[in-house]
Protein backbone atom coordinates (compact mmCIF):
# COMPACT_ATOMS: atom_id res chain seq x y z
CA MET A 1 67.07 86.48 77.74
CA ARG A 2 69.53 88.10 80.12
CA ALA A 3 71.93 91.02 79.65
CA ASN A 4 75.10 91.75 81.61
CA ALA A 5 76.06 95.28 82.71
CA ALA A 6 77.99 96.01 79.50
CA ALA A 7 75.02 94.94 77.37
CA GLU A 8 72.65 97.01 79.50
CA ARG A 9 74.64 100.11 78.51
CA LEU A 10 74.06 99.30 74.83
CA LEU A 11 70.31 98.92 75.23
CA GLY A 12 68.22 101.86 74.11
CA GLU A 13 67.38 103.31 70.72
CA ASP A 14 69.64 100.98 68.72
CA LEU A 15 69.20 97.70 70.56
CA GLN A 16 66.31 96.43 72.68
CA ILE A 17 65.12 93.28 74.39
CA SER A 18 61.42 92.67 73.87
CA SER A 19 59.39 89.51 74.46
CA GLY A 20 62.56 87.50 74.97
CA ARG A 21 64.13 88.65 71.68
CA VAL A 22 66.99 91.00 70.90
CA LEU A 23 65.81 93.63 68.43
CA CYS A 24 67.87 96.05 66.36
CA ARG A 25 66.62 99.48 65.35
CA ASP A 26 67.48 98.73 61.73
CA PRO A 27 64.90 96.29 60.21
CA ARG A 28 67.45 94.66 57.87
CA SER A 29 69.88 94.01 60.74
CA ASN A 30 66.99 92.77 62.83
CA ASP A 31 66.12 90.17 60.16
CA GLN A 32 69.78 89.17 59.81
CA LEU A 33 70.14 88.73 63.57
CA ALA A 34 66.98 86.62 63.84
CA GLY A 35 68.23 84.44 60.96
CA ALA A 36 71.69 84.10 62.48
CA ILE A 37 70.30 83.05 65.87
CA LYS A 38 67.91 80.57 64.26
CA ALA A 39 70.71 79.09 62.13
CA LEU A 40 72.94 78.83 65.18
CA LEU A 41 70.36 77.12 67.39
CA TRP A 42 69.19 74.68 64.71
CA SER A 43 72.64 73.54 63.61
CA GLU A 44 75.78 72.14 65.14
CA GLN A 45 77.93 75.16 64.29
CA ALA A 46 79.53 77.12 67.13
CA THR A 47 79.28 80.56 65.55
CA THR A 48 77.61 82.38 62.68
CA THR A 49 78.56 85.35 60.59
CA PRO A 50 78.47 88.51 62.72
CA VAL A 51 75.60 90.93 62.18
CA VAL A 52 76.48 94.60 61.70
CA ALA A 53 73.72 96.95 62.86
CA PRO A 54 73.99 100.68 62.13
CA LYS A 55 73.41 103.02 65.06
CA ALA A 56 71.39 106.21 64.94
CA SER A 57 74.55 108.09 66.02
CA GLY A 58 76.46 106.90 62.96
CA GLY A 59 78.52 104.12 64.53
CA LYS A 60 77.80 100.43 64.35
CA LEU A 61 77.06 97.52 66.65
CA VAL A 62 78.74 94.26 65.66
CA ILE A 63 76.83 91.28 67.06
CA TYR A 64 78.52 87.86 67.27
CA PRO A 65 76.05 84.99 68.01
CA MET A 66 77.86 82.03 69.65
CA ARG A 67 76.69 78.60 70.79
CA LEU A 68 77.75 77.58 74.29
CA ARG A 69 78.96 74.15 73.22
CA GLY A 70 79.81 71.87 76.13
CA LEU A 71 78.20 74.11 78.73
CA THR A 72 74.60 73.24 77.91
CA THR A 73 73.89 69.61 77.19
CA SER A 74 70.26 69.58 78.26
CA PRO A 75 67.62 70.88 75.86
CA LEU A 76 65.89 72.29 78.96
CA SER A 77 68.89 74.41 79.91
CA ALA A 78 68.19 78.08 80.67
CA PHE A 79 70.45 79.22 77.83
CA HIS A 80 72.15 77.79 74.78
CA ALA A 81 73.87 80.73 73.15
CA ILE A 82 75.28 84.17 73.83
CA LEU A 83 75.50 87.34 71.80
CA VAL A 84 78.80 89.19 72.07
CA ILE A 85 78.13 92.79 71.09
CA THR A 86 80.79 95.32 70.20
CA ASP A 87 80.05 99.02 69.83
CA THR A 88 82.46 100.49 67.28
CA ASP A 89 82.21 103.86 69.04
CA ALA A 90 83.22 102.36 72.40
CA VAL A 91 86.55 101.18 71.02
CA ASN A 92 87.74 104.78 70.93
CA SER A 93 85.59 106.16 73.75
CA ALA A 94 88.48 106.37 76.23
CA ALA A 95 90.62 108.14 73.65
CA THR A 96 87.87 110.59 72.68
CA SER A 97 87.22 111.39 76.33
CA THR A 98 90.93 111.97 76.92
CA PHE A 99 91.22 114.22 73.85
CA ARG A 100 88.19 116.25 74.95
CA ASP A 101 89.63 116.74 78.43
CA VAL A 102 93.23 117.47 77.40
CA PHE A 103 92.61 119.72 74.39
CA ASP A 104 89.05 120.98 74.96
CA LEU A 105 87.87 119.35 71.73
CA THR A 106 84.20 119.05 70.85
CA PRO A 107 82.74 115.52 70.71
CA ALA A 108 82.89 115.57 66.89
CA GLU A 109 86.51 116.81 66.94
CA SER A 110 87.37 114.13 69.50
CA ARG A 111 85.98 111.36 67.30
CA LEU A 112 87.98 112.65 64.34
CA ALA A 113 91.12 112.94 66.48
CA ALA A 114 90.70 109.35 67.71
CA ALA A 115 90.33 108.14 64.14
CA ILE A 116 93.49 109.98 63.08
CA ALA A 117 95.39 108.69 66.13
CA THR A 118 94.57 105.10 65.16
CA GLY A 119 95.61 105.60 61.53
CA LYS A 120 92.23 106.04 59.83
CA ASP A 121 92.29 108.29 56.78
CA LEU A 122 89.87 111.19 56.36
CA GLU A 123 88.07 109.71 53.36
CA THR A 124 87.25 106.45 55.17
CA PHE A 125 86.13 108.36 58.25
CA ALA A 126 83.94 110.66 56.10
CA ILE A 127 82.24 107.66 54.51
CA GLU A 128 81.70 105.86 57.82
CA ARG A 129 80.25 108.97 59.48
CA GLN A 130 78.44 110.22 56.39
CA LEU A 131 80.19 113.58 56.62
CA SER A 132 81.50 115.81 53.86
CA ARG A 133 85.24 116.23 53.38
CA GLN A 134 84.78 119.97 53.92
CA THR A 135 83.21 119.36 57.35
CA LEU A 136 86.14 117.16 58.31
CA ARG A 137 88.67 119.71 57.02
CA THR A 138 87.00 122.39 59.14
CA GLN A 139 87.11 120.12 62.21
CA LEU A 140 90.73 119.21 61.47
CA ARG A 141 91.75 122.90 61.30
CA SER A 142 90.11 123.44 64.69
CA ILE A 143 91.94 120.39 66.09
CA PHE A 144 95.25 121.73 64.76
CA LEU A 145 94.63 125.06 66.52
CA LYS A 146 93.68 123.44 69.81
CA THR A 147 96.57 120.95 69.81
CA GLY A 148 99.28 123.24 68.48
CA THR A 149 99.97 120.96 65.52
CA ASN A 150 99.85 121.75 61.81
CA ARG A 151 100.01 118.39 59.99
CA GLN A 152 98.01 115.17 60.27
CA ALA A 153 101.13 113.04 60.78
CA GLN A 154 102.32 115.31 63.59
CA LEU A 155 98.85 115.20 65.16
CA ALA A 156 98.67 111.39 64.88
CA VAL A 157 102.03 110.93 66.61
CA MET A 158 101.14 113.31 69.43
CA LEU A 159 97.65 111.84 69.99
CA SER A 160 98.83 108.23 69.84
CA THR A 161 100.99 108.86 72.91
CA LEU A 162 97.78 109.60 74.87
CA ILE A 163 96.05 106.35 73.92
CA SER A 164 96.71 103.45 76.27
CA LYS A 165 98.30 100.46 74.59
CA LYS A 166 96.70 97.16 75.61
C-alpha cells in the first residue's frame, strides 16, 4: 500500500492506512470500501461503485477503486489497483481561502460563500453540513455586510468572478 503526496494530506482522522489496508473512520464506509476492493480484485471489472465516506468535519471523501488493467499482468506485481480519493471540501478550498483573504470571512462564512458562488442553494448546504437554516441566515447576513452586497444573486455573481475557471 502506497500513498502519493495528495493522499498523504487526506490521511488522518478520516482515512488511515493500517496493516496494508485503507481504513475509513466511518465503519459502514469502511465495510463498503473493503467490499468494493475485494469485488474489484476478484473480478474482471475495471471499476466499482465509488464509496462515499463522511468526514468528521462534515464534508465527504469519495473513493473510486480502479483496476490497473494492462499495466499489471503478473499476479506477483507490486500493485493491481488504485484508489482515487476526492475530498469534497478540497474542491472549494481555493475559493474559500480567497474569500477569507479578500473579505475577512470566517472559515464557516467562507464555506457558505463558496457554496453560493457555485450555485448551491441554502437548503441543500444546510442538509449537507447539518446546520440549521437560522445559522446559515446569520452567516449570510454577516457575509452581506463584509462583501457590501444585499442579495444572494448579487453575492453569487460577485464571488464567482473570484473563482478560477478551469
